[in-house]
Amino acid sequence: MERKVKGKVTGFKTQDGAGVNLVRVLGNTTVKQYDPFLMLDSFDSKDPNDYTAGFPMHPHRGIETITFLSSGEIVHRDSLGNEGTIRPGEVQWMTAGSGILHEEMPQAAERMLGVQIWLNLPQKDKMTTPEYHEIGRDLIEEIEIEGGLLRLISGSYKEFSAFQGKYLPVDFYDIHLKAGKSFTIPTKEDEEVYLFLLENDAIVAGEHIPVKTAVATEPGTSIDIEALDKNIEILFLSAPKLDEPVAWGGPIVMNTKAELERAFAELQSGMFIKDKPKE
């Protein structure tokens, strides 16, 4: 059964971090519609002044952050002692869990194009041990499809498999489709499926979808995408719905207001970080 479009959200321009210009697509008003994905910010600029101020050291708890770059470069550092750089086509996957401080600093490039996605953690795993993973190009399978290329960032596609987070099974594909070409993506009927138009407009399930738009879909076993007169890059996300209460305050996402208040009290008292940095 082919999936149809259930909802769509086109992003709006805003600033975050130390003054980074970005497009916010998903946020606290879309939690139920895009469960378990909480936030999606898109970066797209050829002017380094838009983004090099970056995201200086700040806290997270209760979520995983997934940062994907189509082009550009971002340097990461965190309170666990991790340091790393992702480049075009690569991903940072950070489990904030019980609490982490990190910074992400975009570097000047010809173009900065990518997204940061916040993936909610199940209630039972909110206070899990923080972790950090880099998914380099050597870990990403590039699969030829009709009219283009599917890059398997996490989860599985047909007989292929890739990195998988510990807490929620997420299929994450970076799909490139040539102008005028179409492709049918097989989907898991029992999971939520979302698409994001990173580069240029497209036809999704028969509907015209503008660039920088996230699409939620009805249940089904496949979904059709079609490029118009330009090449497209479209991100595919599939995961089971959590359907749990969300208490969201800035960089911290818990299940109750009391848990949120406790997290901010611990942040003020210096008790937020539960895990020591690497020696």
Protein backbone atom coordinates (compact mmCIF):
# COMPACT_ATOMS: atom_id res chain seq x y z
CA MET A 1 0.00 0.00 0.00
CA GLU A 2 1.42 3.36 -1.02
CA ARG A 3 1.85 5.99 1.67
CA LYS A 4 0.16 9.36 1.32
CA VAL A 5 1.11 12.72 2.78
CA LYS A 6 -0.46 13.18 6.24
CA GLY A 7 1.09 16.55 7.07
CA LYS A 8 3.84 18.96 6.07
CA VAL A 9 5.81 21.72 7.77
CA THR A 10 7.92 24.26 5.90
CA GLY A 11 10.71 25.80 7.94
CA PHE A 12 11.14 29.45 8.90
CA LYS A 13 14.30 31.51 9.27
CA THR A 14 15.59 32.12 12.78
CA GLN A 15 18.79 32.27 14.84
CA ASP A 16 20.20 29.97 17.50
CA GLY A 17 23.48 29.30 19.27
CA ALA A 18 25.77 32.31 19.31
CA GLY A 19 24.01 33.83 16.30
CA VAL A 20 23.71 31.09 13.69
CA ASN A 21 21.21 31.77 10.92
CA LEU A 22 19.21 28.64 10.20
CA VAL A 23 15.83 27.31 9.13
CA ARG A 24 13.78 25.75 11.95
CA VAL A 25 11.44 23.10 10.61
CA LEU A 26 10.38 20.94 13.57
CA GLY A 27 10.03 22.19 17.14
CA ASN A 28 7.84 22.10 20.23
CA THR A 29 4.64 22.61 18.21
CA THR A 30 5.22 19.50 16.05
CA VAL A 31 6.10 16.94 18.75
CA LYS A 32 3.01 14.74 18.30
CA GLN A 33 2.96 14.89 14.50
CA TYR A 34 6.64 13.92 14.10
CA ASP A 35 7.14 11.64 17.13
CA PRO A 36 9.86 10.50 18.00
CA PHE A 37 11.72 13.33 16.18
CA LEU A 38 11.56 16.51 18.23
CA MET A 39 13.51 19.13 16.33
CA LEU A 40 14.91 19.60 12.84
CA ASP A 41 17.07 22.60 12.02
CA SER A 42 18.42 23.07 8.52
CA PHE A 43 21.62 24.94 7.62
CA ASP A 44 22.06 26.33 4.12
CA SER A 45 24.40 29.26 3.49
CA LYS A 46 27.31 30.33 1.33
CA ASP A 47 28.17 33.15 3.74
CA PRO A 48 30.38 32.04 6.69
CA ASN A 49 29.09 35.02 8.69
CA ASP A 50 25.77 33.18 8.91
CA TYR A 51 27.16 30.26 10.92
CA THR A 52 30.77 30.47 12.15
CA ALA A 53 29.71 31.90 15.54
CA GLY A 54 28.56 28.33 16.11
CA PHE A 55 27.04 26.66 19.13
CA PRO A 56 29.41 27.16 22.10
CA MET A 57 29.37 24.73 25.04
CA HIS A 58 25.80 24.00 26.18
CA PRO A 59 23.91 21.19 27.96
CA HIS A 60 21.57 18.44 26.78
CA ARG A 61 19.65 15.72 28.59
CA GLY A 62 17.03 13.18 27.54
CA ILE A 63 17.63 13.18 23.77
CA GLU A 64 19.98 12.14 20.98
CA THR A 65 21.29 14.73 18.53
CA ILE A 66 21.99 13.71 14.94
CA THR A 67 23.97 16.20 12.87
CA PHE A 68 24.26 15.49 9.13
CA LEU A 69 26.27 17.51 6.62
CA SER A 70 25.77 17.44 2.88
CA SER A 71 28.52 20.05 2.54
CA GLY A 72 30.67 21.99 4.99
CA GLU A 73 32.56 21.07 8.16
CA ILE A 74 31.66 21.04 11.88
CA VAL A 75 34.01 20.54 14.83
CA HIS A 76 32.61 18.81 17.94
CA ARG A 77 33.86 18.79 21.55
CA ASP A 78 32.08 17.52 24.67
CA SER A 79 32.33 16.98 28.43
CA LEU A 80 33.16 13.29 27.94
CA GLY A 81 36.43 14.31 26.31
CA ASN A 82 35.35 13.53 22.75
CA GLU A 83 36.63 15.69 19.92
CA GLY A 84 35.95 15.22 16.23
CA THR A 85 35.16 16.78 12.88
CA ILE A 86 32.53 15.80 10.36
CA ARG A 87 32.81 16.68 6.70
CA PRO A 88 30.54 16.39 3.63
CA GLY A 89 28.33 13.31 3.76
CA GLU A 90 29.15 12.51 7.41
CA VAL A 91 27.20 12.40 10.67
CA GLN A 92 27.62 13.01 14.41
CA TRP A 93 25.30 10.92 16.58
CA MET A 94 25.35 11.98 20.21
CA THR A 95 23.36 10.39 23.03
CA ALA A 96 22.90 13.08 25.67
CA GLY A 97 21.25 10.66 28.09
CA SER A 98 21.69 11.70 31.74
CA GLY A 99 23.54 14.86 30.76
CA ILE A 100 26.31 16.15 28.54
CA LEU A 101 27.88 19.49 27.64
CA HIS A 102 28.98 19.91 24.03
CA GLU A 103 29.86 22.48 21.43
CA GLU A 104 29.48 22.34 17.66
CA MET A 105 31.45 24.89 15.69
CA PRO A 106 30.82 25.13 11.93
CA GLN A 107 33.92 26.05 9.92
CA ALA A 108 34.00 28.49 7.01
CA ALA A 109 33.27 26.63 3.76
CA GLU A 110 32.09 27.24 0.22
CA ARG A 111 28.64 26.14 1.39
CA MET A 112 27.21 24.92 4.70
CA LEU A 113 24.34 22.54 3.98
CA GLY A 114 22.90 20.03 6.43
CA VAL A 115 20.60 19.41 9.37
CA GLN A 116 20.54 18.77 13.08
CA ILE A 117 17.81 16.43 14.28
CA TRP A 118 16.79 15.78 17.88
CA LEU A 119 15.63 12.22 18.47
CA ASN A 120 13.67 11.66 21.66
CA LEU A 121 14.85 8.98 24.08
CA PRO A 122 12.29 6.53 25.53
CA GLN A 123 11.24 7.34 29.09
CA LYS A 124 13.12 4.32 30.47
CA ASP A 125 16.35 5.48 28.79
CA LYS A 126 16.28 9.21 29.54
CA MET A 127 19.06 8.93 32.13
CA THR A 128 21.25 6.48 30.24
CA THR A 129 25.03 6.93 29.92
CA PRO A 130 25.97 9.61 27.35
CA GLU A 131 27.83 8.51 24.20
CA TYR A 132 29.24 10.03 21.04
CA HIS A 133 29.65 8.43 17.60
CA GLU A 134 31.03 9.73 14.34
CA ILE A 135 29.66 8.09 11.20
CA GLY A 136 32.32 8.73 8.58
CA ARG A 137 31.95 8.22 4.84
CA ASP A 138 33.70 4.84 5.14
CA LEU A 139 30.83 3.60 7.33
CA ILE A 140 28.06 4.73 4.97
CA GLU A 141 26.95 2.32 2.25
CA GLU A 142 26.23 4.04 -1.06
CA ILE A 143 23.57 2.11 -2.95
CA GLU A 144 22.68 2.79 -6.57
CA ILE A 145 18.94 3.22 -7.09
CA GLU A 146 16.87 4.01 -10.13
CA GLY A 147 17.72 7.58 -11.07
CA GLY A 148 20.20 8.22 -8.31
CA LEU A 149 21.89 7.15 -5.09
CA LEU A 150 20.77 6.12 -1.60
CA ARG A 151 23.29 6.63 1.20
CA LEU A 152 22.48 4.40 4.19
CA ILE A 153 23.35 6.40 7.32
CA SER A 154 21.63 4.25 9.93
CA GLY A 155 19.36 1.23 10.18
CA SER A 156 18.74 -0.96 7.16
CA TYR A 157 17.72 -0.87 3.52
CA LYS A 158 16.84 -4.18 1.85
CA GLU A 159 19.83 -6.48 2.50
CA PHE A 160 22.11 -3.64 3.62
CA SER A 161 22.67 -2.55 7.24
CA ALA A 162 24.46 0.33 8.94
CA PHE A 163 25.08 2.02 12.30
CA GLN A 164 22.18 1.72 14.71
CA GLY A 165 21.55 3.63 17.92
CA LYS A 166 20.90 1.61 21.07
CA TYR A 167 17.54 3.02 22.10
CA LEU A 168 15.32 3.42 19.04
CA PRO A 169 15.68 1.70 15.66
CA VAL A 170 16.02 4.50 13.10
CA ASP A 171 16.33 4.12 9.35
CA PHE A 172 18.04 7.24 8.03
CA TYR A 173 18.69 7.56 4.28
CA ASP A 174 20.32 10.41 2.35
CA ILE A 175 18.73 10.11 -1.09
CA HIS A 176 20.00 11.87 -4.21
CA LEU A 177 17.73 11.80 -7.26
CA LYS A 178 18.48 13.25 -10.69
CA ALA A 179 16.21 15.78 -12.36
CA GLY A 180 13.12 14.19 -13.87
CA LYS A 181 13.68 10.83 -12.17
CA SER A 182 11.40 9.02 -9.72
CA PHE A 183 11.93 6.33 -7.09
CA THR A 184 9.72 4.23 -4.83
CA ILE A 185 11.10 3.73 -1.31
CA PRO A 186 10.01 0.55 0.49
CA THR A 187 8.88 1.33 4.06
CA LYS A 188 8.10 -0.56 7.26
CA GLU A 189 4.35 -0.47 7.70
CA ASP A 190 4.47 -0.44 11.52
CA GLU A 191 6.81 2.59 11.76
CA GLU A 192 6.43 6.33 11.33
CA VAL A 193 8.00 7.64 8.10
CA TYR A 194 9.07 11.25 7.54
CA LEU A 195 10.87 12.97 4.67
CA PHE A 196 12.75 16.26 4.52
CA LEU A 197 13.50 18.18 1.32
CA LEU A 198 17.06 19.39 1.85
CA GLU A 199 17.79 20.49 -1.72
CA ASN A 200 15.14 21.65 -4.24
CA ASP A 201 11.41 20.92 -4.54
CA ALA A 202 10.01 17.46 -5.29
CA ILE A 203 6.84 15.46 -5.75
CA VAL A 204 6.19 13.21 -2.73
CA ALA A 205 3.28 10.76 -2.89
CA GLY A 206 1.79 12.82 -5.70
CA GLU A 207 2.04 16.19 -3.88
CA HIS A 208 4.37 19.07 -4.69
CA ILE A 209 6.64 19.63 -1.66
CA PRO A 210 8.78 22.80 -1.37
CA VAL A 211 12.42 22.68 -0.30
CA LYS A 212 13.03 22.88 3.49
CA THR A 213 9.75 21.08 4.17
CA ALA A 214 9.25 18.05 6.42
CA VAL A 215 6.58 15.55 5.41
CA ALA A 216 4.70 13.14 7.68
CA THR A 217 3.10 10.14 5.97
CA GLU A 218 0.14 7.81 6.40
CA PRO A 219 0.84 4.09 7.08
CA GLY A 220 1.90 1.98 4.11
CA THR A 221 4.61 -0.20 2.59
CA SER A 222 6.14 2.30 0.15
CA ILE A 223 6.32 5.96 -0.80
CA ASP A 224 6.99 7.60 -4.17
CA ILE A 225 9.32 10.53 -4.72
CA GLU A 226 9.97 12.39 -7.97
CA ALA A 227 12.49 15.09 -8.85
CA LEU A 228 11.27 18.00 -10.95
CA ASP A 229 13.63 19.95 -13.23
CA LYS A 230 16.54 19.93 -10.75
CA ASN A 231 18.46 17.26 -8.87
CA ILE A 232 17.09 16.75 -5.36
CA GLU A 233 18.50 15.65 -2.01
CA ILE A 234 15.89 14.25 0.34
CA LEU A 235 16.34 12.82 3.83
CA PHE A 236 14.28 9.79 4.86
CA LEU A 237 13.60 9.00 8.53
CA SER A 238 11.70 6.00 9.87
CA ALA A 239 11.22 4.96 13.52
CA PRO A 240 8.56 3.62 15.89
CA LYS A 241 6.41 6.22 17.61
CA LEU A 242 7.06 6.65 21.35
CA ASP A 243 3.69 8.18 22.26
CA GLU A 244 5.02 9.33 25.64
CA PRO A 245 4.56 12.65 27.49
CA VAL A 246 7.10 15.34 26.61
CA ALA A 247 8.33 18.08 28.95
CA TRP A 248 10.65 20.30 26.89
CA GLY A 249 12.70 23.20 28.20
CA GLY A 250 15.41 24.60 25.89
CA PRO A 251 18.12 21.94 25.42
CA ILE A 252 16.55 19.44 27.85
CA VAL A 253 13.66 17.08 27.10
CA MET A 254 12.14 14.94 29.86
CA ASN A 255 8.70 13.40 30.50
CA THR A 256 7.42 15.52 33.40
CA LYS A 257 7.71 19.12 34.57
CA ALA A 258 9.26 17.88 37.83
CA GLU A 259 12.03 16.06 35.92
CA LEU A 260 12.66 19.19 33.89
CA GLU A 261 12.88 21.37 37.01
CA ARG A 262 15.26 18.87 38.61
CA ALA A 263 17.49 18.93 35.53
CA PHE A 264 17.79 22.74 35.59
CA ALA A 265 18.36 22.72 39.36
CA GLU A 266 21.20 20.23 38.88
CA LEU A 267 22.61 22.37 36.07
CA GLN A 268 22.73 25.38 38.41
CA SER A 269 24.20 23.40 41.32
CA GLY A 270 26.93 21.70 39.28
CA MET A 271 25.34 18.24 39.62
CA PHE A 272 24.14 17.95 36.02
CA ILE A 273 27.00 15.86 34.61
CA LYS A 274 26.87 12.28 35.90
CA ASP A 275 29.73 10.81 33.84
CA LYS A 276 33.37 11.79 34.07
CA PRO A 277 35.41 12.72 30.97
CA LYS A 278 37.86 10.27 29.43
CA GLU A 279 41.33 10.24 30.96
